[in-house]
Protein backbone atom coordinates (compact mmCIF):
# COMPACT_ATOMS: atom_id res chain seq x y z
CA MET A 1 293.07 168.66 43.60
CA ALA A 2 294.66 170.33 46.63
CA GLU A 3 297.89 168.39 46.05
CA THR A 4 298.26 169.74 42.52
CA LYS A 5 297.83 173.31 43.78
CA SER A 6 300.66 172.93 46.30
CA ALA A 7 302.87 171.21 43.73
CA MET A 8 302.95 174.33 41.53
CA ARG A 9 306.26 176.13 41.81
CA LYS A 10 306.66 179.82 42.46
CA PRO A 11 307.97 181.67 39.40
CA VAL A 12 311.63 182.64 39.47
CA PHE A 13 312.11 186.11 38.01
CA THR A 14 315.31 186.84 36.10
CA LYS A 15 316.92 190.08 34.99
CA VAL A 16 317.56 191.14 31.40
CA ASP A 17 321.36 190.84 31.70
CA GLN A 18 321.01 187.14 32.66
CA LEU A 19 319.39 186.18 29.33
CA ARG A 20 321.41 183.91 27.03
CA PRO A 21 320.87 182.67 23.44
CA GLY A 22 318.78 179.55 22.99
CA THR A 23 317.17 179.63 26.43
CA SER A 24 313.49 179.65 27.38
CA GLY A 25 311.13 179.69 30.34
CA HIS A 26 312.10 183.17 31.52
CA ASN A 27 309.91 185.29 33.82
CA LEU A 28 310.69 189.01 33.76
CA THR A 29 309.21 192.27 35.01
CA VAL A 30 310.11 194.94 32.47
CA LYS A 31 309.22 198.45 31.38
CA VAL A 32 308.42 199.22 27.73
CA VAL A 33 310.76 201.89 26.38
CA SER A 34 309.40 202.06 22.82
CA ALA A 35 307.12 200.11 20.48
CA ASN A 36 307.21 200.14 16.67
CA MET A 37 304.66 198.37 14.47
CA VAL A 38 306.52 196.23 11.92
CA VAL A 39 303.85 194.16 10.15
CA GLN A 40 300.09 194.57 9.95
CA LYS A 41 298.37 192.48 7.34
CA GLY A 42 295.34 190.28 6.89
CA ARG A 43 295.73 186.54 6.55
CA PRO A 44 293.03 184.79 4.53
CA ASP A 45 292.70 181.39 6.18
CA GLY A 46 289.17 180.11 6.04
CA PRO A 47 285.90 182.02 6.12
CA GLN A 48 287.14 184.96 8.19
CA VAL A 49 290.22 187.07 7.55
CA ARG A 50 292.51 187.35 10.60
CA GLN A 51 294.72 190.35 11.18
CA MET A 52 298.36 189.52 11.87
CA ARG A 53 300.22 192.24 13.75
CA ILE A 54 303.86 192.24 14.80
CA ALA A 55 305.61 195.00 16.75
CA GLU A 56 309.20 195.35 17.89
CA CYS A 57 309.35 196.75 21.41
CA LEU A 58 312.43 197.83 23.31
CA ILE A 59 311.93 196.62 26.88
CA GLY A 60 314.22 196.64 29.87
CA ASP A 61 314.92 196.77 33.57
CA GLU A 62 317.69 198.22 35.73
CA THR A 63 320.27 195.79 34.24
CA GLY A 64 319.71 196.34 30.50
CA THR A 65 317.38 196.30 27.51
CA ILE A 66 316.40 193.82 24.79
CA LEU A 67 314.07 193.79 21.80
CA PHE A 68 310.75 192.02 22.35
CA THR A 69 308.70 190.73 19.41
CA ALA A 70 305.02 191.31 20.24
CA ARG A 71 302.44 189.39 18.20
CA ASN A 72 298.73 190.09 17.65
CA ASP A 73 297.01 190.80 21.02
CA GLN A 74 300.37 191.38 22.74
CA VAL A 75 300.82 194.53 20.60
CA ASP A 76 297.94 196.25 22.45
CA LEU A 77 299.60 195.64 25.85
CA MET A 78 303.05 196.92 24.85
CA LYS A 79 302.54 200.68 25.15
CA PRO A 80 305.56 202.92 25.87
CA ASP A 81 306.13 203.58 29.61
CA SER A 82 303.88 200.67 30.62
CA THR A 83 305.17 197.88 32.85
CA VAL A 84 304.57 194.25 31.93
CA ILE A 85 305.30 190.83 33.39
CA LEU A 86 306.48 188.32 30.80
CA ARG A 87 305.93 184.69 31.77
CA ASN A 88 307.54 181.72 30.01
CA ALA A 89 309.40 183.97 27.55
CA LYS A 90 312.00 182.54 25.20
CA ILE A 91 315.02 183.86 23.34
CA ASP A 92 314.79 183.80 19.54
CA MET A 93 317.82 184.46 17.38
CA PHE A 94 317.24 186.84 14.44
CA LYS A 95 320.17 187.71 12.18
CA GLY A 96 322.64 186.85 14.93
CA SER A 97 321.02 188.96 17.65
CA MET A 98 318.77 188.01 20.56
CA ARG A 99 315.05 188.81 20.61
CA LEU A 100 312.66 188.00 23.41
CA ALA A 101 309.28 186.48 22.53
CA VAL A 102 306.28 184.99 24.30
CA ASP A 103 304.47 182.24 22.41
CA LYS A 104 301.08 180.62 23.06
CA TRP A 105 302.37 178.86 26.20
CA GLY A 106 303.44 182.11 27.85
CA ARG A 107 301.64 185.20 29.14
CA VAL A 108 302.02 188.96 28.94
CA GLU A 109 300.42 190.84 31.86
CA VAL A 110 300.29 194.58 32.55
CA THR A 111 301.30 195.47 36.11
CA GLU A 112 302.02 198.50 38.34
CA PRO A 113 304.83 200.92 37.46
CA PRO A 114 308.25 199.70 38.66
CA SER A 115 310.56 201.19 41.24
CA PHE A 116 313.52 200.99 38.84
CA THR A 117 314.76 203.09 35.94
CA VAL A 118 315.65 201.31 32.70
CA ASN A 119 319.37 201.01 31.93
CA GLU A 120 319.41 201.84 28.20
CA GLU A 121 323.23 201.64 28.02
CA ASN A 122 323.27 197.81 27.98
CA ASN A 123 321.19 196.70 24.94
CA LEU A 124 321.56 192.91 24.59
CA SER A 125 319.97 192.97 21.12
CA LEU A 126 322.95 194.92 19.78
CA VAL A 127 325.34 192.10 20.70
CA GLU A 128 325.88 189.83 17.71
CA TYR A 129 326.23 186.10 18.37
CA GLU A 130 327.56 183.37 16.15
CA LEU A 131 326.13 180.04 17.21
CA VAL A 132 328.64 177.21 16.74
CA ASN A 133 327.78 173.52 16.95
CA VAL A 134 330.33 171.53 18.96
CA VAL A 135 330.69 167.85 18.10
CA GLU A 136 331.84 165.73 21.03
CA GLU A 137 333.96 162.73 20.11
């Protein structure tokens, strides 16, 4: 058991401006700039009705900002001016632009306020990408 504890790697934290389309496994410390509820509806699947909530949150650090898609319980943590640590986040492409998301294998944790101010001039979600498949011969 002790060997498995020492085998765990320390997380490598990246900055917002280092994010690229189609990548995953990102760890970031970011500040929530704004949060807008997009979808809130009940899903009838089985005996109980589950609420499905989705919010688009503008998050960022000193290098830039990006849109984060918060789902269900994550919506409660993403309050404006709060600081969160995103673990195992992935980049989703939506209409040609990048969105950050954390699925069931990742975590969203609230942490202490940061020592940085968010650079709102560099919004990576406003950059439009066209993904092209390259066939090697």
